[in-house]
Amino acid sequence: MEWKSFFFTAAVVAVIIFLQWPRMSESPGKDKGAFIVLLVIGLVLSMFDLQHMKGPATLEEAIFKPVGQFFLKR
């Protein structure tokens, strides 16, 4: 993880909140909550190197490969 990209993303999130919050003053609480939750999810995902992470197929292979070998031995 590169900290400078995380802090840049955090700054962008802060700017988005700063610019959009006055427009959301009349919105219901659920809309405000969804707005904050989506921004926080984006901020958390920016901490991971998603381009180089292994996908679900690797997890599936790690789980089922030993099971398959067990059944092939029988």
Protein backbone atom coordinates (compact mmCIF):
# COMPACT_ATOMS: atom_id res chain seq x y z
CA MET A 1 0.00 0.00 0.00
CA GLU A 2 1.26 3.42 -0.86
CA TRP A 3 0.38 5.93 1.81
CA LYS A 4 0.45 8.90 -0.52
CA SER A 5 -2.32 7.41 -2.66
CA PHE A 6 -4.39 6.71 0.47
CA PHE A 7 -3.98 10.26 1.72
CA PHE A 8 -4.79 11.64 -1.73
CA THR A 9 -7.97 9.54 -1.77
CA ALA A 10 -8.83 10.73 1.75
CA ALA A 11 -8.36 14.34 0.60
CA VAL A 12 -10.66 13.74 -2.39
CA VAL A 13 -13.28 12.20 -0.08
CA ALA A 14 -13.01 15.24 2.22
CA VAL A 15 -13.48 17.61 -0.71
CA ILE A 16 -16.50 15.64 -1.94
CA ILE A 17 -18.08 15.79 1.52
CA PHE A 18 -17.27 19.49 1.87
CA LEU A 19 -18.85 20.34 -1.50
CA GLN A 20 -21.85 18.03 -1.39
CA TRP A 21 -22.94 18.20 2.26
CA PRO A 22 -24.69 21.61 1.99
CA ARG A 23 -26.78 20.26 -0.91
CA MET A 24 -27.72 17.25 1.20
CA SER A 25 -29.03 19.29 4.16
CA GLU A 26 -32.62 18.69 3.00
CA SER A 27 -32.07 14.98 2.27
CA PRO A 28 -33.33 12.29 4.63
CA GLY A 29 -30.96 10.62 7.06
CA LYS A 30 -30.85 7.41 5.01
CA ASP A 31 -29.51 9.29 2.00
CA LYS A 32 -26.84 10.96 4.10
CA GLY A 33 -25.90 7.61 5.62
CA ALA A 34 -25.64 5.95 2.22
CA PHE A 35 -23.51 8.84 0.97
CA ILE A 36 -21.06 8.48 3.86
CA VAL A 37 -21.00 4.67 3.68
CA LEU A 38 -20.20 4.66 -0.04
CA LEU A 39 -17.40 7.17 0.44
CA VAL A 40 -15.95 5.15 3.33
CA ILE A 41 -16.10 1.94 1.25
CA GLY A 42 -14.18 3.70 -1.50
CA LEU A 43 -11.64 4.94 1.02
CA VAL A 44 -11.16 1.46 2.50
CA LEU A 45 -10.80 -0.11 -0.95
CA SER A 46 -8.11 2.44 -1.79
CA MET A 47 -5.95 0.86 0.91
CA PHE A 48 -5.73 -2.44 -0.97
CA ASP A 49 -3.67 -3.13 -4.08
CA LEU A 50 -6.67 -4.50 -5.97
CA GLN A 51 -4.84 -4.80 -9.28
CA HIS A 52 -2.46 -7.41 -7.87
CA MET A 53 -4.75 -9.31 -5.51
CA LYS A 54 -5.69 -12.86 -6.34
CA GLY A 55 -9.30 -13.43 -7.24
CA PRO A 56 -12.01 -15.78 -6.07
CA ALA A 57 -10.86 -18.54 -8.43
CA THR A 58 -7.61 -18.86 -6.47
CA LEU A 59 -9.55 -19.24 -3.22
CA GLU A 60 -11.80 -21.85 -4.81
CA GLU A 61 -8.79 -23.79 -6.06
CA ALA A 62 -7.15 -23.69 -2.62
CA ILE A 63 -10.30 -25.11 -1.04
CA PHE A 64 -11.32 -27.74 -3.55
CA LYS A 65 -7.98 -29.02 -4.88
CA PRO A 66 -7.20 -31.07 -1.74
CA VAL A 67 -10.77 -32.37 -1.69
CA GLY A 68 -10.48 -33.45 -5.33
CA GLN A 69 -7.18 -35.21 -4.67
CA PHE A 70 -8.75 -37.02 -1.73
CA PHE A 71 -11.56 -38.39 -3.91
CA LEU A 72 -9.18 -39.36 -6.74
CA LYS A 73 -7.14 -41.54 -4.36
CA ARG A 74 -10.18 -43.61 -3.41
